[in-house]
């Protein structure tokens, strides 16, 4: 259903701090969706021309290839940064979504979440990671994936999910991405 991949050796504390700074800068410039959960960048963050973003992009590719048990010919990629906090908490039922709804949704696709920064009180708390609904939001079956800083969580793009509980007013910063390919 999902797999986690540890990239803390490649993307160290300084790298993750720089990624968080870039995501905050994009949001502070107003480059975020106004009709989406606060705050999601409109910018393709993997297009940022800095070595840390190249490392993060390549770690996502490798994680997807490992999940898929082989390389694929990538046909499309999408990436964005997200900052959430209890300060901006929105109704939880409004946050369910999947990533198989946009162009080329008939193609195989994987999604990923990379945990950049978390409030200390959220570390190790599974409810502060990501909640998944494998049979859809109407079904009561759910599971939580705990937040692990410096790890990618990779899963099928059509899997309903939502951000975990916001138990702190400090910021939770993630980078999310989708990767699709031709059969």
N, C-alpha and C. Protein backbone atom coordinates (compact mmCIF):
# COMPACT_ATOMS: atom_id res chain seq x y z
N UNK A 1 0.82 -1.20 0.00
CA UNK A 1 0.00 0.00 0.00
C UNK A 1 0.86 1.26 0.00
N UNK A 2 1.86 1.31 0.89
CA UNK A 2 2.81 2.43 0.92
C UNK A 2 4.16 1.90 1.38
N UNK A 3 5.20 2.66 1.07
CA UNK A 3 6.54 2.35 1.56
C UNK A 3 7.22 3.65 1.96
N UNK A 4 8.10 3.56 2.95
CA UNK A 4 8.88 4.73 3.34
C UNK A 4 10.34 4.52 2.95
N UNK A 5 11.00 5.62 2.62
CA UNK A 5 12.39 5.59 2.19
C UNK A 5 13.15 6.68 2.94
N UNK A 6 14.20 6.28 3.63
CA UNK A 6 14.99 7.18 4.47
C UNK A 6 16.07 7.86 3.64
N UNK A 7 16.01 9.20 3.57
CA UNK A 7 16.99 9.98 2.82
C UNK A 7 17.75 10.95 3.73
N UNK A 8 17.79 10.66 5.04
CA UNK A 8 18.45 11.58 5.96
C UNK A 8 19.96 11.66 5.72
N UNK A 9 20.56 10.63 5.16
CA UNK A 9 22.00 10.69 4.87
C UNK A 9 22.29 11.62 3.70
N UNK A 10 21.41 11.67 2.72
CA UNK A 10 21.60 12.53 1.55
C UNK A 10 21.10 13.94 1.80
N UNK A 11 19.96 14.05 2.47
CA UNK A 11 19.33 15.36 2.74
C UNK A 11 19.40 15.60 4.25
N UNK A 12 20.49 16.22 4.68
CA UNK A 12 20.75 16.38 6.10
C UNK A 12 19.95 17.55 6.69
N UNK A 13 20.20 17.83 7.96
CA UNK A 13 19.47 18.91 8.65
C UNK A 13 19.62 20.25 7.93
N UNK A 14 20.83 20.58 7.48
CA UNK A 14 21.04 21.85 6.78
C UNK A 14 20.26 21.89 5.46
N UNK A 15 20.25 20.78 4.73
CA UNK A 15 19.49 20.72 3.48
C UNK A 15 18.00 20.92 3.74
N UNK A 16 17.49 20.21 4.74
CA UNK A 16 16.06 20.31 5.03
C UNK A 16 15.70 21.71 5.52
N UNK A 17 16.59 22.34 6.25
CA UNK A 17 16.37 23.72 6.68
C UNK A 17 16.30 24.66 5.47
N UNK A 18 17.18 24.45 4.51
CA UNK A 18 17.18 25.27 3.28
C UNK A 18 15.91 25.03 2.47
N UNK A 19 15.45 23.78 2.40
CA UNK A 19 14.20 23.48 1.70
C UNK A 19 13.05 24.20 2.39
N UNK A 20 12.99 24.13 3.73
CA UNK A 20 11.93 24.80 4.48
C UNK A 20 11.97 26.31 4.24
N UNK A 21 13.16 26.89 4.20
CA UNK A 21 13.30 28.32 3.94
C UNK A 21 12.75 28.67 2.56
N UNK A 22 13.07 27.85 1.56
CA UNK A 22 12.56 28.11 0.21
C UNK A 22 11.04 28.01 0.16
N UNK A 23 10.46 26.99 0.80
CA UNK A 23 9.00 26.84 0.79
C UNK A 23 8.35 28.04 1.49
N UNK A 24 8.89 28.44 2.63
CA UNK A 24 8.35 29.62 3.34
C UNK A 24 8.43 30.86 2.45
N UNK A 25 9.55 31.04 1.76
CA UNK A 25 9.73 32.19 0.89
C UNK A 25 8.68 32.22 -0.22
N UNK A 26 8.42 31.07 -0.82
CA UNK A 26 7.41 30.99 -1.89
C UNK A 26 6.03 31.38 -1.34
N UNK A 27 5.68 30.83 -0.18
CA UNK A 27 4.39 31.13 0.44
C UNK A 27 4.31 32.62 0.80
N UNK A 28 5.39 33.14 1.39
CA UNK A 28 5.40 34.56 1.79
C UNK A 28 5.27 35.51 0.62
N UNK A 29 5.67 35.06 -0.58
CA UNK A 29 5.52 35.86 -1.79
C UNK A 29 4.10 35.78 -2.35
N UNK A 30 3.24 34.97 -1.72
CA UNK A 30 1.86 34.84 -2.17
C UNK A 30 1.66 33.82 -3.28
N UNK A 31 2.69 33.01 -3.55
CA UNK A 31 2.62 32.02 -4.63
C UNK A 31 2.06 30.70 -4.08
N UNK A 32 0.77 30.72 -3.74
CA UNK A 32 0.10 29.53 -3.25
C UNK A 32 -1.34 29.54 -3.74
N UNK A 33 -1.94 28.33 -3.76
CA UNK A 33 -3.32 28.20 -4.19
C UNK A 33 -4.25 28.83 -3.17
N UNK A 34 -5.19 29.64 -3.65
CA UNK A 34 -6.14 30.29 -2.75
C UNK A 34 -7.34 29.38 -2.48
N UNK A 35 -7.54 28.35 -3.30
CA UNK A 35 -8.69 27.46 -3.16
C UNK A 35 -8.30 26.07 -2.67
N UNK A 36 -7.16 25.97 -2.03
CA UNK A 36 -6.65 24.68 -1.53
C UNK A 36 -6.33 24.83 -0.05
N UNK A 37 -6.11 23.72 0.62
CA UNK A 37 -5.71 23.84 2.03
C UNK A 37 -4.49 24.74 2.19
N UNK A 38 -4.48 25.49 3.26
CA UNK A 38 -3.35 26.39 3.53
C UNK A 38 -2.14 25.55 3.86
N UNK A 39 -1.05 25.95 3.43
CA UNK A 39 -0.66 26.77 2.29
C UNK A 39 0.08 25.87 1.34
N UNK A 40 -0.39 25.75 0.09
CA UNK A 40 0.21 24.87 -0.90
C UNK A 40 0.73 25.70 -2.05
N UNK A 41 2.02 25.55 -2.36
CA UNK A 41 2.63 26.35 -3.43
C UNK A 41 2.04 26.01 -4.78
N UNK A 42 1.94 27.01 -5.64
CA UNK A 42 1.57 26.76 -7.03
C UNK A 42 2.81 26.42 -7.86
N UNK A 43 3.95 26.84 -7.36
CA UNK A 43 5.22 26.62 -8.07
C UNK A 43 5.63 25.15 -8.05
N UNK A 44 6.16 24.70 -9.17
CA UNK A 44 6.77 23.37 -9.24
C UNK A 44 8.10 23.45 -8.49
N UNK A 45 8.12 23.00 -7.25
CA UNK A 45 9.32 23.20 -6.44
C UNK A 45 10.52 22.41 -6.95
N UNK A 46 10.30 21.30 -7.65
CA UNK A 46 11.44 20.57 -8.20
C UNK A 46 12.13 21.35 -9.32
N UNK A 47 11.53 22.43 -9.78
CA UNK A 47 12.16 23.24 -10.82
C UNK A 47 13.13 24.28 -10.25
N UNK A 48 13.19 24.40 -8.94
CA UNK A 48 14.11 25.35 -8.32
C UNK A 48 15.55 24.91 -8.63
N UNK A 49 16.33 25.84 -9.13
CA UNK A 49 17.70 25.54 -9.60
C UNK A 49 18.71 25.66 -8.46
N UNK A 50 18.62 24.73 -7.52
CA UNK A 50 19.57 24.65 -6.42
C UNK A 50 19.90 23.18 -6.21
N UNK A 51 21.12 22.87 -5.80
CA UNK A 51 21.50 21.46 -5.59
C UNK A 51 20.59 20.70 -4.62
N UNK A 52 20.10 21.36 -3.58
CA UNK A 52 19.24 20.64 -2.62
C UNK A 52 17.95 20.17 -3.28
N UNK A 53 17.42 20.98 -4.20
CA UNK A 53 16.18 20.59 -4.87
C UNK A 53 16.43 19.47 -5.88
N UNK A 54 17.61 19.49 -6.49
CA UNK A 54 17.99 18.39 -7.38
C UNK A 54 18.10 17.09 -6.58
N UNK A 55 18.74 17.15 -5.40
CA UNK A 55 18.85 15.96 -4.55
C UNK A 55 17.47 15.46 -4.12
N UNK A 56 16.59 16.39 -3.75
CA UNK A 56 15.25 15.98 -3.32
C UNK A 56 14.48 15.34 -4.49
N UNK A 57 14.57 15.95 -5.67
CA UNK A 57 13.90 15.40 -6.86
C UNK A 57 14.42 14.00 -7.18
N UNK A 58 15.74 13.84 -7.17
CA UNK A 58 16.31 12.53 -7.49
C UNK A 58 15.96 11.50 -6.43
N UNK A 59 15.87 11.91 -5.17
CA UNK A 59 15.48 10.96 -4.11
C UNK A 59 14.03 10.51 -4.31
N UNK A 60 13.19 11.42 -4.80
CA UNK A 60 11.80 11.05 -5.11
C UNK A 60 11.76 10.04 -6.26
N UNK A 61 12.50 10.32 -7.34
CA UNK A 61 12.54 9.38 -8.46
C UNK A 61 12.98 8.00 -7.99
N UNK A 62 14.10 7.96 -7.26
CA UNK A 62 14.62 6.67 -6.82
C UNK A 62 13.61 5.96 -5.93
N UNK A 63 12.96 6.69 -5.02
CA UNK A 63 11.97 6.08 -4.13
C UNK A 63 10.82 5.48 -4.93
N UNK A 64 10.37 6.21 -5.95
CA UNK A 64 9.30 5.68 -6.81
C UNK A 64 9.76 4.44 -7.57
N UNK A 65 10.98 4.46 -8.10
CA UNK A 65 11.50 3.29 -8.82
C UNK A 65 11.60 2.10 -7.88
N UNK A 66 12.05 2.33 -6.65
CA UNK A 66 12.15 1.24 -5.67
C UNK A 66 10.76 0.70 -5.32
N UNK A 67 9.80 1.59 -5.13
CA UNK A 67 8.43 1.16 -4.84
C UNK A 67 7.89 0.32 -6.00
N UNK A 68 8.17 0.78 -7.22
CA UNK A 68 7.68 0.13 -8.43
C UNK A 68 8.51 -1.12 -8.79
N UNK A 69 9.61 -1.33 -8.11
CA UNK A 69 10.54 -2.43 -8.35
C UNK A 69 11.13 -2.39 -9.75
N UNK A 70 11.41 -1.19 -10.20
CA UNK A 70 12.06 -1.01 -11.49
C UNK A 70 11.89 0.41 -12.00
N UNK A 71 12.78 0.79 -12.88
CA UNK A 71 12.70 2.12 -13.48
C UNK A 71 11.56 2.17 -14.49
N UNK A 72 11.08 3.37 -14.72
CA UNK A 72 10.04 3.61 -15.72
C UNK A 72 10.44 4.83 -16.53
N UNK A 73 9.83 4.97 -17.70
CA UNK A 73 10.02 6.17 -18.52
C UNK A 73 9.04 7.22 -18.01
N UNK A 74 9.55 8.20 -17.29
CA UNK A 74 8.69 9.22 -16.67
C UNK A 74 8.02 10.05 -17.76
N UNK A 75 6.70 10.19 -17.65
CA UNK A 75 5.98 11.02 -18.62
C UNK A 75 5.55 12.35 -18.01
N UNK A 76 5.40 12.40 -16.71
CA UNK A 76 5.04 13.67 -16.08
C UNK A 76 5.40 13.65 -14.59
N UNK A 77 5.64 14.85 -14.10
CA UNK A 77 6.01 15.04 -12.70
C UNK A 77 5.36 16.33 -12.22
N UNK A 78 4.92 16.33 -10.99
CA UNK A 78 4.37 17.53 -10.36
C UNK A 78 4.90 17.56 -8.94
N UNK A 79 5.22 18.76 -8.45
CA UNK A 79 5.76 18.89 -7.09
C UNK A 79 5.31 20.20 -6.48
N UNK A 80 5.17 20.21 -5.17
CA UNK A 80 4.74 21.41 -4.47
C UNK A 80 5.15 21.32 -3.00
N UNK A 81 5.22 22.45 -2.37
CA UNK A 81 5.49 22.52 -0.95
C UNK A 81 4.20 22.85 -0.21
N UNK A 82 4.11 22.40 1.04
CA UNK A 82 2.91 22.64 1.85
C UNK A 82 3.35 23.02 3.27
N UNK A 83 2.74 24.08 3.78
CA UNK A 83 2.93 24.46 5.17
C UNK A 83 1.56 24.41 5.84
N UNK A 84 1.47 23.67 6.93
CA UNK A 84 0.23 23.62 7.70
C UNK A 84 0.54 23.93 9.16
N UNK A 85 -0.50 24.31 9.88
CA UNK A 85 -0.37 24.64 11.30
C UNK A 85 -1.77 24.64 11.91
N UNK A 86 -1.84 24.39 13.18
CA UNK A 86 -3.12 24.48 13.88
C UNK A 86 -3.70 25.89 13.78
N UNK A 87 -2.83 26.89 13.58
CA UNK A 87 -3.29 28.28 13.43
C UNK A 87 -4.27 28.44 12.28
N UNK A 88 -4.10 27.62 11.23
CA UNK A 88 -4.92 27.74 10.02
C UNK A 88 -5.77 26.50 9.81
N UNK A 89 -6.03 25.78 10.87
CA UNK A 89 -6.72 24.49 10.74
C UNK A 89 -8.05 24.64 10.00
N UNK A 90 -8.30 23.68 9.12
CA UNK A 90 -9.52 23.66 8.32
C UNK A 90 -10.32 22.41 8.67
N UNK A 91 -11.60 22.37 8.32
CA UNK A 91 -12.40 21.16 8.64
C UNK A 91 -11.76 19.92 8.04
N UNK A 92 -11.53 18.92 8.88
CA UNK A 92 -10.81 17.71 8.44
C UNK A 92 -11.50 16.99 7.30
N UNK A 93 -12.81 16.94 7.30
CA UNK A 93 -13.50 16.21 6.22
C UNK A 93 -13.30 16.87 4.87
N UNK A 94 -12.94 18.15 4.85
CA UNK A 94 -12.69 18.86 3.59
C UNK A 94 -11.30 18.55 3.01
N UNK A 95 -10.48 17.87 3.78
CA UNK A 95 -9.09 17.68 3.37
C UNK A 95 -8.82 16.37 2.62
N UNK A 96 -9.80 15.45 2.58
CA UNK A 96 -9.60 14.19 1.85
C UNK A 96 -9.38 14.49 0.37
N UNK A 97 -8.42 13.82 -0.22
CA UNK A 97 -8.16 13.98 -1.65
C UNK A 97 -7.28 12.84 -2.15
N UNK A 98 -7.16 12.74 -3.45
CA UNK A 98 -6.20 11.86 -4.09
C UNK A 98 -5.62 12.63 -5.26
N UNK A 99 -4.64 12.07 -5.94
CA UNK A 99 -3.96 12.80 -7.00
C UNK A 99 -4.17 12.17 -8.37
N UNK A 100 -5.23 11.43 -8.53
CA UNK A 100 -5.49 10.78 -9.83
C UNK A 100 -6.55 11.53 -10.63
N UNK A 101 -6.82 12.75 -10.26
CA UNK A 101 -7.92 13.49 -10.87
C UNK A 101 -7.52 14.39 -12.03
N UNK A 102 -6.25 14.68 -12.20
CA UNK A 102 -5.90 15.63 -13.25
C UNK A 102 -5.43 14.93 -14.52
N UNK A 103 -4.94 15.71 -15.47
CA UNK A 103 -4.60 15.22 -16.81
C UNK A 103 -3.82 13.90 -16.76
N UNK A 104 -4.13 13.04 -17.70
CA UNK A 104 -3.46 11.73 -17.84
C UNK A 104 -3.68 10.83 -16.63
N UNK A 105 -4.83 10.97 -15.97
CA UNK A 105 -5.06 10.18 -14.75
C UNK A 105 -5.21 8.69 -15.05
N UNK A 106 -5.35 8.33 -16.30
CA UNK A 106 -5.45 6.90 -16.66
C UNK A 106 -4.08 6.22 -16.66
N UNK A 107 -3.02 7.01 -16.61
CA UNK A 107 -1.68 6.44 -16.62
C UNK A 107 -1.27 6.02 -15.22
N UNK A 108 -0.36 5.05 -15.11
CA UNK A 108 0.15 4.68 -13.78
C UNK A 108 0.78 5.90 -13.11
N UNK A 109 0.53 6.03 -11.83
CA UNK A 109 1.02 7.21 -11.12
C UNK A 109 1.28 6.87 -9.66
N UNK A 110 2.37 7.44 -9.13
CA UNK A 110 2.67 7.34 -7.71
C UNK A 110 2.74 8.74 -7.12
N UNK A 111 2.42 8.83 -5.84
CA UNK A 111 2.54 10.08 -5.10
C UNK A 111 3.50 9.89 -3.95
N UNK A 112 4.03 11.00 -3.46
CA UNK A 112 4.93 10.94 -2.33
C UNK A 112 4.83 12.17 -1.45
N UNK A 113 5.15 11.96 -0.18
CA UNK A 113 5.22 13.04 0.80
C UNK A 113 6.59 12.95 1.46
N UNK A 114 7.30 14.07 1.47
CA UNK A 114 8.60 14.15 2.13
C UNK A 114 8.45 15.09 3.31
N UNK A 115 8.75 14.59 4.49
CA UNK A 115 8.62 15.38 5.71
C UNK A 115 9.88 16.21 5.91
N UNK A 116 9.74 17.53 5.78
CA UNK A 116 10.87 18.46 5.86
C UNK A 116 11.07 18.94 7.29
N UNK A 117 9.97 19.37 7.91
CA UNK A 117 10.05 19.97 9.25
C UNK A 117 8.76 19.71 10.01
N UNK A 118 8.90 19.33 11.27
CA UNK A 118 7.75 19.06 12.13
C UNK A 118 7.98 19.69 13.49
N UNK A 119 6.90 20.12 14.16
CA UNK A 119 7.05 20.54 15.54
C UNK A 119 7.57 19.37 16.38
N UNK A 120 8.43 19.66 17.31
CA UNK A 120 9.02 18.59 18.14
C UNK A 120 7.96 17.73 18.82
N UNK A 121 6.87 18.35 19.27
CA UNK A 121 5.84 17.59 19.97
C UNK A 121 5.09 16.62 19.05
N UNK A 122 5.26 16.75 17.74
CA UNK A 122 4.60 15.86 16.79
C UNK A 122 5.46 14.67 16.37
N UNK A 123 6.75 14.72 16.69
CA UNK A 123 7.65 13.63 16.30
C UNK A 123 7.21 12.33 16.95
N UNK A 124 7.10 11.29 16.17
CA UNK A 124 6.72 9.97 16.67
C UNK A 124 5.24 9.78 16.89
N UNK A 125 4.44 10.79 16.65
CA UNK A 125 2.99 10.68 16.83
C UNK A 125 2.36 10.32 15.48
N UNK A 126 1.90 9.07 15.31
CA UNK A 126 1.36 8.65 14.02
C UNK A 126 0.23 9.55 13.52
N UNK A 127 -0.57 10.09 14.43
CA UNK A 127 -1.70 10.92 14.02
C UNK A 127 -1.26 12.26 13.43
N UNK A 128 0.00 12.61 13.55
CA UNK A 128 0.51 13.87 13.00
C UNK A 128 1.16 13.67 11.63
N UNK A 129 1.11 12.46 11.11
CA UNK A 129 1.66 12.17 9.79
C UNK A 129 0.61 12.36 8.72
N UNK A 130 0.24 11.26 8.08
CA UNK A 130 -0.77 11.28 7.02
C UNK A 130 -1.76 10.17 7.28
N UNK A 131 -3.03 10.49 7.12
CA UNK A 131 -4.10 9.51 7.29
C UNK A 131 -4.56 9.05 5.91
N UNK A 132 -4.71 7.73 5.75
CA UNK A 132 -5.12 7.14 4.48
C UNK A 132 -6.45 6.42 4.62
N UNK A 133 -7.24 6.44 3.55
CA UNK A 133 -8.51 5.73 3.47
C UNK A 133 -8.44 4.81 2.25
N UNK A 134 -7.92 3.58 2.42
CA UNK A 134 -7.63 2.73 1.27
C UNK A 134 -8.85 2.32 0.45
N UNK A 135 -10.03 2.31 1.06
CA UNK A 135 -11.25 1.93 0.33
C UNK A 135 -12.15 3.13 0.05
N UNK A 136 -11.62 4.31 0.20
CA UNK A 136 -12.39 5.54 -0.04
C UNK A 136 -12.85 6.16 1.26
N UNK A 137 -13.26 7.40 1.18
CA UNK A 137 -13.58 8.17 2.38
C UNK A 137 -14.89 7.73 3.05
N UNK A 138 -15.75 7.03 2.32
CA UNK A 138 -17.01 6.57 2.90
C UNK A 138 -16.82 5.31 3.76
N UNK A 139 -15.73 4.61 3.53
CA UNK A 139 -15.46 3.38 4.27
C UNK A 139 -14.74 3.72 5.58
N UNK A 140 -15.08 3.06 6.68
CA UNK A 140 -14.44 3.40 7.96
C UNK A 140 -12.99 2.91 8.09
N UNK A 141 -12.53 2.05 7.19
CA UNK A 141 -11.15 1.56 7.30
C UNK A 141 -10.18 2.70 7.01
N UNK A 142 -9.31 2.97 7.96
CA UNK A 142 -8.32 4.04 7.85
C UNK A 142 -7.01 3.57 8.48
N UNK A 143 -5.92 4.19 8.09
CA UNK A 143 -4.67 3.96 8.78
C UNK A 143 -3.82 5.22 8.72
N UNK A 144 -2.91 5.33 9.68
CA UNK A 144 -2.02 6.48 9.79
C UNK A 144 -0.60 6.06 9.45
N UNK A 145 0.10 6.94 8.75
CA UNK A 145 1.53 6.75 8.51
C UNK A 145 2.24 7.83 9.31
N UNK A 146 3.08 7.43 10.26
CA UNK A 146 3.72 8.43 11.11
C UNK A 146 4.67 9.33 10.32
N UNK A 147 4.81 10.57 10.76
CA UNK A 147 5.73 11.48 10.07
C UNK A 147 7.18 11.16 10.45
N UNK A 148 8.00 10.98 9.46
CA UNK A 148 9.42 10.71 9.67
C UNK A 148 10.21 11.76 8.91
N UNK A 149 10.85 12.65 9.63
CA UNK A 149 11.61 13.72 8.98
C UNK A 149 12.71 13.10 8.11
N UNK A 150 12.81 13.63 6.88
CA UNK A 150 13.84 13.16 5.95
C UNK A 150 13.49 11.89 5.21
N UNK A 151 12.23 11.48 5.29
CA UNK A 151 11.77 10.25 4.61
C UNK A 151 10.71 10.60 3.56
N UNK A 152 10.73 9.85 2.47
CA UNK A 152 9.64 9.87 1.51
C UNK A 152 8.66 8.75 1.87
N UNK A 153 7.38 9.06 1.83
CA UNK A 153 6.32 8.06 1.90
C UNK A 153 5.76 7.99 0.48
N UNK A 154 5.84 6.82 -0.14
CA UNK A 154 5.40 6.62 -1.53
C UNK A 154 4.17 5.72 -1.52
N UNK A 155 3.17 6.07 -2.34
CA UNK A 155 1.91 5.33 -2.37
C UNK A 155 1.21 5.56 -3.71
N UNK A 156 0.25 4.71 -4.07
CA UNK A 156 -0.49 4.92 -5.33
C UNK A 156 -1.24 6.26 -5.28
N UNK A 157 -1.21 6.99 -6.39
CA UNK A 157 -1.80 8.32 -6.44
C UNK A 157 -3.31 8.33 -6.25
N UNK A 158 -3.97 7.21 -6.50
CA UNK A 158 -5.43 7.18 -6.36
C UNK A 158 -5.87 6.86 -4.93
N UNK A 159 -4.95 6.78 -4.00
CA UNK A 159 -5.26 6.47 -2.61
C UNK A 159 -5.69 7.75 -1.88
N UNK A 160 -6.91 7.75 -1.34
CA UNK A 160 -7.40 8.91 -0.61
C UNK A 160 -6.55 9.11 0.65
N UNK A 161 -6.22 10.36 0.93
CA UNK A 161 -5.41 10.69 2.09
C UNK A 161 -5.69 12.14 2.50
N UNK A 162 -5.20 12.47 3.69
CA UNK A 162 -5.28 13.85 4.17
C UNK A 162 -4.17 14.06 5.20
N UNK A 163 -3.79 15.33 5.40
CA UNK A 163 -2.76 15.60 6.41
C UNK A 163 -3.21 15.11 7.78
N UNK A 164 -2.24 14.69 8.56
CA UNK A 164 -2.54 14.25 9.92
C UNK A 164 -3.05 15.39 10.79
N UNK A 165 -3.37 15.05 12.02
CA UNK A 165 -3.89 16.04 12.96
C UNK A 165 -2.85 17.12 13.23
N UNK A 166 -3.32 18.33 13.32
CA UNK A 166 -2.45 19.46 13.62
C UNK A 166 -2.55 19.73 15.11
N UNK A 167 -1.55 19.28 15.84
CA UNK A 167 -1.57 19.39 17.29
C UNK A 167 -0.67 20.50 17.80
N UNK A 168 -0.19 21.35 16.90
CA UNK A 168 0.72 22.42 17.29
C UNK A 168 0.48 23.63 16.39
N UNK A 169 0.73 24.80 16.93
CA UNK A 169 0.66 26.02 16.12
C UNK A 169 1.97 26.25 15.37
N UNK A 170 2.98 25.45 15.67
CA UNK A 170 4.23 25.52 14.90
C UNK A 170 3.98 24.89 13.54
N UNK A 171 4.81 25.25 12.58
CA UNK A 171 4.59 24.81 11.20
C UNK A 171 5.04 23.38 10.96
N UNK A 172 4.25 22.72 10.13
CA UNK A 172 4.58 21.39 9.59
C UNK A 172 4.84 21.63 8.11
N UNK A 173 6.04 21.31 7.64
CA UNK A 173 6.39 21.57 6.24
C UNK A 173 6.69 20.24 5.55
N UNK A 174 6.03 20.03 4.42
CA UNK A 174 6.27 18.85 3.61
C UNK A 174 6.45 19.28 2.16
N UNK A 175 7.08 18.42 1.40
CA UNK A 175 7.09 18.54 -0.06
C UNK A 175 6.35 17.31 -0.56
N UNK A 176 5.44 17.52 -1.49
CA UNK A 176 4.69 16.42 -2.07
C UNK A 176 4.94 16.40 -3.58
N UNK A 177 4.79 15.22 -4.16
CA UNK A 177 5.06 15.10 -5.59
C UNK A 177 4.29 13.93 -6.18
N UNK A 178 4.05 14.00 -7.47
CA UNK A 178 3.44 12.93 -8.25
C UNK A 178 4.35 12.59 -9.41
N UNK A 179 4.41 11.31 -9.73
CA UNK A 179 5.21 10.84 -10.86
C UNK A 179 4.33 9.89 -11.67
N UNK A 180 4.28 10.12 -12.97
CA UNK A 180 3.50 9.24 -13.85
C UNK A 180 4.37 8.73 -14.99
N UNK A 181 3.91 7.62 -15.59
CA UNK A 181 4.66 7.03 -16.69
C UNK A 181 3.73 6.31 -17.65
N UNK A 182 4.24 6.06 -18.83
CA UNK A 182 3.51 5.29 -19.84
C UNK A 182 3.69 3.81 -19.54
N UNK A 183 2.70 3.02 -19.87
CA UNK A 183 2.82 1.55 -19.69
C UNK A 183 3.80 0.97 -20.68
